[in-house]
Amino acid sequence: MLRHGVKLYAEIFGNAQGECQYSSFESGEIDLFASYFNDTGYNSFFFSSYPIEDITQIKQFGYFYDTPSSYSIEVNGGRETDKSRELIQMRMIAKNPDKQIQSFYRTLQRNLKKISGLQKHTQKNYFHLPTDKIIIPANPHSQNTRDHWEDFYLSKLESAEKL
């Protein structure tokens, strides 16, 4: 991140009206960043090389719209409970991204492949780390619900296994 001039931001829903809060992270704050995956207000995170001087500027330009999208990588997933961990999906937002963020994305992809234990899916072009948690696929209807949806889904799995 430092070499490419890229910063990491997390998007958190701050209240019932859906007002978003954004937090910026430095490379040494990985434990703080990881704690957001357990927060029920967590929505997503993103990498950006856009020169944001103040975190409140993100609200001004509307997250990824217009110019900042060319400088950003959106990352969805990662929510975690004691029962499940959501898969993480990254995507370049702009069709013609800035060279700086594009270089960071390629470097990140190469570095991900070096992680010990990382496995490639046999038919699809994505990687995963094995986990003993039950992985619930990303579902847009479940983004703002946590345990109730998971309890319902897991109980359906358990009853289907008994048949």
C-alpha atoms as a PDB file:
ATOM      1  CA  MET A   1       0.000   0.000   0.000  1.00  0.00           C
ATOM      2  CA  LEU A   2       2.763   2.433   0.930  1.00  0.00           C
ATOM      3  CA  ARG A   3       4.797   1.745  -2.200  1.00  0.00           C
ATOM      4  CA  HIS A   4       1.762   2.367  -4.441  1.00  0.00           C
ATOM      5  CA  GLY A   5       0.381   5.330  -2.473  1.00  0.00           C
ATOM      6  CA  VAL A   6      -2.866   3.479  -1.729  1.00  0.00           C
ATOM      7  CA  LYS A   7      -4.987   3.825   1.405  1.00  0.00           C
ATOM      8  CA  LEU A   8      -7.511   1.454   2.938  1.00  0.00           C
ATOM      9  CA  TYR A   9     -10.997   2.598   4.005  1.00  0.00           C
ATOM     10  CA  ALA A  10     -13.864   0.780   5.736  1.00  0.00           C
ATOM     11  CA  GLU A  11     -17.535   1.724   5.293  1.00  0.00           C
ATOM     12  CA  ILE A  12     -19.704   1.320   8.400  1.00  0.00           C
ATOM     13  CA  PHE A  13     -23.429   2.002   8.688  1.00  0.00           C
ATOM     14  CA  GLY A  14     -23.625   4.393  11.618  1.00  0.00           C
ATOM     15  CA  ASN A  15     -27.337   4.360  12.380  1.00  0.00           C
ATOM     16  CA  ALA A  16     -30.759   2.984  11.408  1.00  0.00           C
ATOM     17  CA  GLN A  17     -31.145   5.630   8.679  1.00  0.00           C
ATOM     18  CA  GLY A  18     -28.181   4.112   6.856  1.00  0.00           C
ATOM     19  CA  GLU A  19     -25.819   7.045   7.332  1.00  0.00           C
ATOM     20  CA  CYS A  20     -22.339   5.819   6.469  1.00  0.00           C
ATOM     21  CA  GLN A  21     -19.155   6.436   8.380  1.00  0.00           C
ATOM     22  CA  TYR A  22     -15.743   5.927   6.816  1.00  0.00           C
ATOM     23  CA  SER A  23     -12.547   4.997   8.588  1.00  0.00           C
ATOM     24  CA  SER A  24      -9.079   5.232   7.107  1.00  0.00           C
ATOM     25  CA  PHE A  25      -6.362   2.752   8.090  1.00  0.00           C
ATOM     26  CA  GLU A  26      -2.599   2.809   7.999  1.00  0.00           C
ATOM     27  CA  SER A  27      -0.612  -0.352   7.312  1.00  0.00           C
ATOM     28  CA  GLY A  28       0.181  -0.867  11.029  1.00  0.00           C
ATOM     29  CA  GLU A  29      -3.479  -0.885  12.092  1.00  0.00           C
ATOM     30  CA  ILE A  30      -4.421  -4.295  10.722  1.00  0.00           C
ATOM     31  CA  ASP A  31      -5.920  -5.525  14.032  1.00  0.00           C
ATOM     32  CA  LEU A  32      -8.203  -2.495  14.206  1.00  0.00           C
ATOM     33  CA  PHE A  33      -9.244  -3.009  10.599  1.00  0.00           C
ATOM     34  CA  ALA A  34      -9.908  -6.747  11.123  1.00  0.00           C
ATOM     35  CA  SER A  35     -12.207  -5.932  14.068  1.00  0.00           C
ATOM     36  CA  TYR A  36     -14.664  -4.272  11.668  1.00  0.00           C
ATOM     37  CA  PHE A  37     -15.563  -7.660  10.163  1.00  0.00           C
ATOM     38  CA  ASN A  38     -17.317  -8.487  13.453  1.00  0.00           C
ATOM     39  CA  ASP A  39     -19.199  -5.159  13.569  1.00  0.00           C
ATOM     40  CA  THR A  40     -22.862  -5.489  12.567  1.00  0.00           C
ATOM     41  CA  GLY A  41     -22.656  -2.059  10.899  1.00  0.00           C
ATOM     42  CA  TYR A  42     -19.804  -3.118   8.590  1.00  0.00           C
ATOM     43  CA  ASN A  43     -20.710  -2.810   4.889  1.00  0.00           C
ATOM     44  CA  SER A  44     -17.549  -3.008   2.791  1.00  0.00           C
ATOM     45  CA  PHE A  45     -14.040  -1.686   2.394  1.00  0.00           C
ATOM     46  CA  PHE A  46     -12.079  -0.206  -0.453  1.00  0.00           C
ATOM     47  CA  PHE A  47      -8.588   0.693  -1.549  1.00  0.00           C
ATOM     48  CA  SER A  48      -8.035   4.076  -3.146  1.00  0.00           C
ATOM     49  CA  SER A  49      -5.158   6.094  -4.513  1.00  0.00           C
ATOM     50  CA  TYR A  50      -7.410   9.147  -4.849  1.00  0.00           C
ATOM     51  CA  PRO A  51      -5.865  12.090  -2.954  1.00  0.00           C
ATOM     52  CA  ILE A  52      -8.407  12.377  -0.134  1.00  0.00           C
ATOM     53  CA  GLU A  53      -7.232  14.999   2.330  1.00  0.00           C
ATOM     54  CA  ASP A  54     -10.074  14.564   4.784  1.00  0.00           C
ATOM     55  CA  ILE A  55     -12.270  11.505   5.365  1.00  0.00           C
ATOM     56  CA  THR A  56     -15.374  13.722   5.080  1.00  0.00           C
ATOM     57  CA  GLN A  57     -14.516  14.267   1.395  1.00  0.00           C
ATOM     58  CA  ILE A  58     -15.693  10.700   0.702  1.00  0.00           C
ATOM     59  CA  LYS A  59     -19.259  11.754   1.516  1.00  0.00           C
ATOM     60  CA  GLN A  60     -18.907  14.755  -0.799  1.00  0.00           C
ATOM     61  CA  PHE A  61     -18.106  12.717  -3.866  1.00  0.00           C
ATOM     62  CA  GLY A  62     -20.486   9.893  -3.017  1.00  0.00           C
ATOM     63  CA  TYR A  63     -18.195   6.957  -2.321  1.00  0.00           C
ATOM     64  CA  PHE A  64     -17.195   5.675  -5.778  1.00  0.00           C
ATOM     65  CA  TYR A  65     -18.961   7.894  -8.255  1.00  0.00           C
ATOM     66  CA  ASP A  66     -17.339  10.138 -10.826  1.00  0.00           C
ATOM     67  CA  THR A  67     -13.590  10.733 -10.628  1.00  0.00           C
ATOM     68  CA  PRO A  68     -12.696   8.663  -7.494  1.00  0.00           C
ATOM     69  CA  SER A  69     -13.947   5.431  -9.094  1.00  0.00           C
ATOM     70  CA  SER A  70     -10.949   5.447 -11.461  1.00  0.00           C
ATOM     71  CA  TYR A  71      -8.685   5.390  -8.402  1.00  0.00           C
ATOM     72  CA  SER A  72     -10.495   2.721  -6.359  1.00  0.00           C
ATOM     73  CA  ILE A  73     -10.951  -1.002  -5.816  1.00  0.00           C
ATOM     74  CA  GLU A  74     -14.217  -2.029  -4.164  1.00  0.00           C
ATOM     75  CA  VAL A  75     -14.118  -4.990  -1.789  1.00  0.00           C
ATOM     76  CA  ASN A  76     -17.315  -6.700  -0.620  1.00  0.00           C
ATOM     77  CA  GLY A  77     -17.707  -9.462   1.940  1.00  0.00           C
ATOM     78  CA  GLY A  78     -15.633 -10.454   4.936  1.00  0.00           C
ATOM     79  CA  ARG A  79     -18.405 -10.208   7.542  1.00  0.00           C
ATOM     80  CA  GLU A  80     -17.748 -12.666  10.311  1.00  0.00           C
ATOM     81  CA  THR A  81     -19.646 -14.229  13.211  1.00  0.00           C
ATOM     82  CA  ASP A  82     -18.888 -17.230  15.381  1.00  0.00           C
ATOM     83  CA  LYS A  83     -20.725 -19.375  12.799  1.00  0.00           C
ATOM     84  CA  SER A  84     -19.659 -18.004   9.459  1.00  0.00           C
ATOM     85  CA  ARG A  85     -17.268 -15.888   7.463  1.00  0.00           C
ATOM     86  CA  GLU A  86     -18.350 -14.268   4.206  1.00  0.00           C
ATOM     87  CA  LEU A  87     -16.239 -14.629   1.092  1.00  0.00           C
ATOM     88  CA  ILE A  88     -14.376 -11.486   0.009  1.00  0.00           C
ATOM     89  CA  GLN A  89     -14.733 -10.255  -3.562  1.00  0.00           C
ATOM     90  CA  MET A  90     -12.678  -7.477  -5.147  1.00  0.00           C
ATOM     91  CA  ARG A  91     -13.364  -5.543  -8.312  1.00  0.00           C
ATOM     92  CA  MET A  92     -11.920  -2.635 -10.203  1.00  0.00           C
ATOM     93  CA  ILE A  93     -14.706  -0.089 -10.438  1.00  0.00           C
ATOM     94  CA  ALA A  94     -13.686   1.877 -13.515  1.00  0.00           C
ATOM     95  CA  LYS A  95     -13.237   0.406 -16.975  1.00  0.00           C
ATOM     96  CA  ASN A  96     -10.167   2.610 -17.393  1.00  0.00           C
ATOM     97  CA  PRO A  97      -8.532   2.682 -13.944  1.00  0.00           C
ATOM     98  CA  ASP A  98      -5.695   4.966 -12.922  1.00  0.00           C
ATOM     99  CA  LYS A  99      -2.270   3.374 -13.527  1.00  0.00           C
ATOM    100  CA  GLN A 100      -1.396   3.651  -9.832  1.00  0.00           C
ATOM    101  CA  ILE A 101      -4.405   1.660  -8.582  1.00  0.00           C
ATOM    102  CA  GLN A 102      -4.100  -0.788 -11.470  1.00  0.00           C
ATOM    103  CA  SER A 103      -0.465  -1.502 -10.526  1.00  0.00           C
ATOM    104  CA  PHE A 104      -1.492  -1.971  -6.878  1.00  0.00           C
ATOM    105  CA  TYR A 105      -4.263  -4.404  -7.908  1.00  0.00           C
ATOM    106  CA  ARG A 106      -1.856  -6.546  -9.970  1.00  0.00           C
ATOM    107  CA  THR A 107       0.680  -6.588  -7.118  1.00  0.00           C
ATOM    108  CA  LEU A 108      -2.043  -7.510  -4.609  1.00  0.00           C
ATOM    109  CA  GLN A 109      -3.212 -10.390  -6.841  1.00  0.00           C
ATOM    110  CA  ARG A 110       0.361 -11.722  -7.102  1.00  0.00           C
ATOM    111  CA  ASN A 111       0.874 -11.457  -3.334  1.00  0.00           C
ATOM    112  CA  LEU A 112      -2.399 -13.235  -2.567  1.00  0.00           C
ATOM    113  CA  LYS A 113      -1.170 -16.268  -4.491  1.00  0.00           C
ATOM    114  CA  LYS A 114       1.867 -16.471  -2.156  1.00  0.00           C
ATOM    115  CA  ILE A 115      -0.252 -16.931   0.996  1.00  0.00           C
ATOM    116  CA  SER A 116       0.394 -20.302   2.610  1.00  0.00           C
ATOM    117  CA  GLY A 117      -2.633 -22.594   2.384  1.00  0.00           C
ATOM    118  CA  LEU A 118      -4.421 -20.547  -0.263  1.00  0.00           C
ATOM    119  CA  GLN A 119      -6.277 -22.856  -2.656  1.00  0.00           C
ATOM    120  CA  LYS A 120      -7.552 -22.229  -6.165  1.00  0.00           C
ATOM    121  CA  HIS A 121     -11.077 -23.323  -7.064  1.00  0.00           C
ATOM    122  CA  THR A 122     -10.964 -26.184  -9.569  1.00  0.00           C
ATOM    123  CA  GLN A 123     -13.423 -24.674 -12.071  1.00  0.00           C
ATOM    124  CA  LYS A 124     -13.548 -20.968 -11.308  1.00  0.00           C
ATOM    125  CA  ASN A 125     -10.865 -18.322 -11.201  1.00  0.00           C
ATOM    126  CA  TYR A 126     -10.876 -17.483  -7.506  1.00  0.00           C
ATOM    127  CA  PHE A 127      -8.890 -18.429  -4.439  1.00  0.00           C
ATOM    128  CA  HIS A 128      -9.913 -19.311  -0.890  1.00  0.00           C
ATOM    129  CA  LEU A 129      -8.479 -20.284   2.470  1.00  0.00           C
ATOM    130  CA  PRO A 130     -10.060 -23.359   4.049  1.00  0.00           C
ATOM    131  CA  THR A 131     -12.019 -22.666   7.231  1.00  0.00           C
ATOM    132  CA  ASP A 132     -13.909 -24.792   9.714  1.00  0.00           C
ATOM    133  CA  LYS A 133     -16.698 -22.220   9.793  1.00  0.00           C
ATOM    134  CA  ILE A 134     -19.824 -22.707   7.687  1.00  0.00           C
ATOM    135  CA  ILE A 135     -19.485 -20.218   4.850  1.00  0.00           C
ATOM    136  CA  ILE A 136     -22.720 -18.503   3.895  1.00  0.00           C
ATOM    137  CA  PRO A 137     -22.505 -17.034   0.396  1.00  0.00           C
ATOM    138  CA  ALA A 138     -22.747 -13.289  -0.079  1.00  0.00           C
ATOM    139  CA  ASN A 139     -26.444 -12.478  -0.268  1.00  0.00           C
ATOM    140  CA  PRO A 140     -27.682  -8.919  -0.777  1.00  0.00           C
ATOM    141  CA  HIS A 141     -30.781  -9.677   1.294  1.00  0.00           C
ATOM    142  CA  SER A 142     -28.682 -10.640   4.299  1.00  0.00           C
ATOM    143  CA  GLN A 143     -26.337  -7.666   4.368  1.00  0.00           C
ATOM    144  CA  ASN A 144     -28.096  -5.921   7.222  1.00  0.00           C
ATOM    145  CA  THR A 145     -29.157  -9.019   9.140  1.00  0.00           C
ATOM    146  CA  ARG A 146     -26.877 -11.212  11.150  1.00  0.00           C
ATOM    147  CA  ASP A 147     -27.652 -14.024  13.516  1.00  0.00           C
ATOM    148  CA  HIS A 148     -31.369 -14.475  12.773  1.00  0.00           C
ATOM    149  CA  TRP A 149     -30.761 -15.078   9.070  1.00  0.00           C
ATOM    150  CA  GLU A 150     -27.797 -17.334   9.796  1.00  0.00           C
ATOM    151  CA  ASP A 151     -29.707 -19.304  12.419  1.00  0.00           C
ATOM    152  CA  PHE A 152     -32.563 -19.772   9.958  1.00  0.00           C
ATOM    153  CA  TYR A 153     -30.228 -20.828   7.130  1.00  0.00           C
ATOM    154  CA  LEU A 154     -28.154 -23.162   9.318  1.00  0.00           C
ATOM    155  CA  SER A 155     -31.263 -24.787  10.798  1.00  0.00           C
ATOM    156  CA  LYS A 156     -32.466 -25.489   7.225  1.00  0.00           C
ATOM    157  CA  LEU A 157     -29.090 -27.093   6.442  1.00  0.00           C
ATOM    158  CA  GLU A 158     -29.223 -29.234   9.584  1.00  0.00           C
ATOM    159  CA  SER A 159     -32.792 -30.388   8.907  1.00  0.00           C
ATOM    160  CA  ALA A 160     -31.886 -31.243   5.296  1.00  0.00           C
ATOM    161  CA  GLU A 161     -28.895 -33.291   6.514  1.00  0.00           C
ATOM    162  CA  LYS A 162     -31.160 -35.326   8.821  1.00  0.00           C
ATOM    163  CA  LEU A 163     -33.344 -36.355   5.866  1.00  0.00           C
END
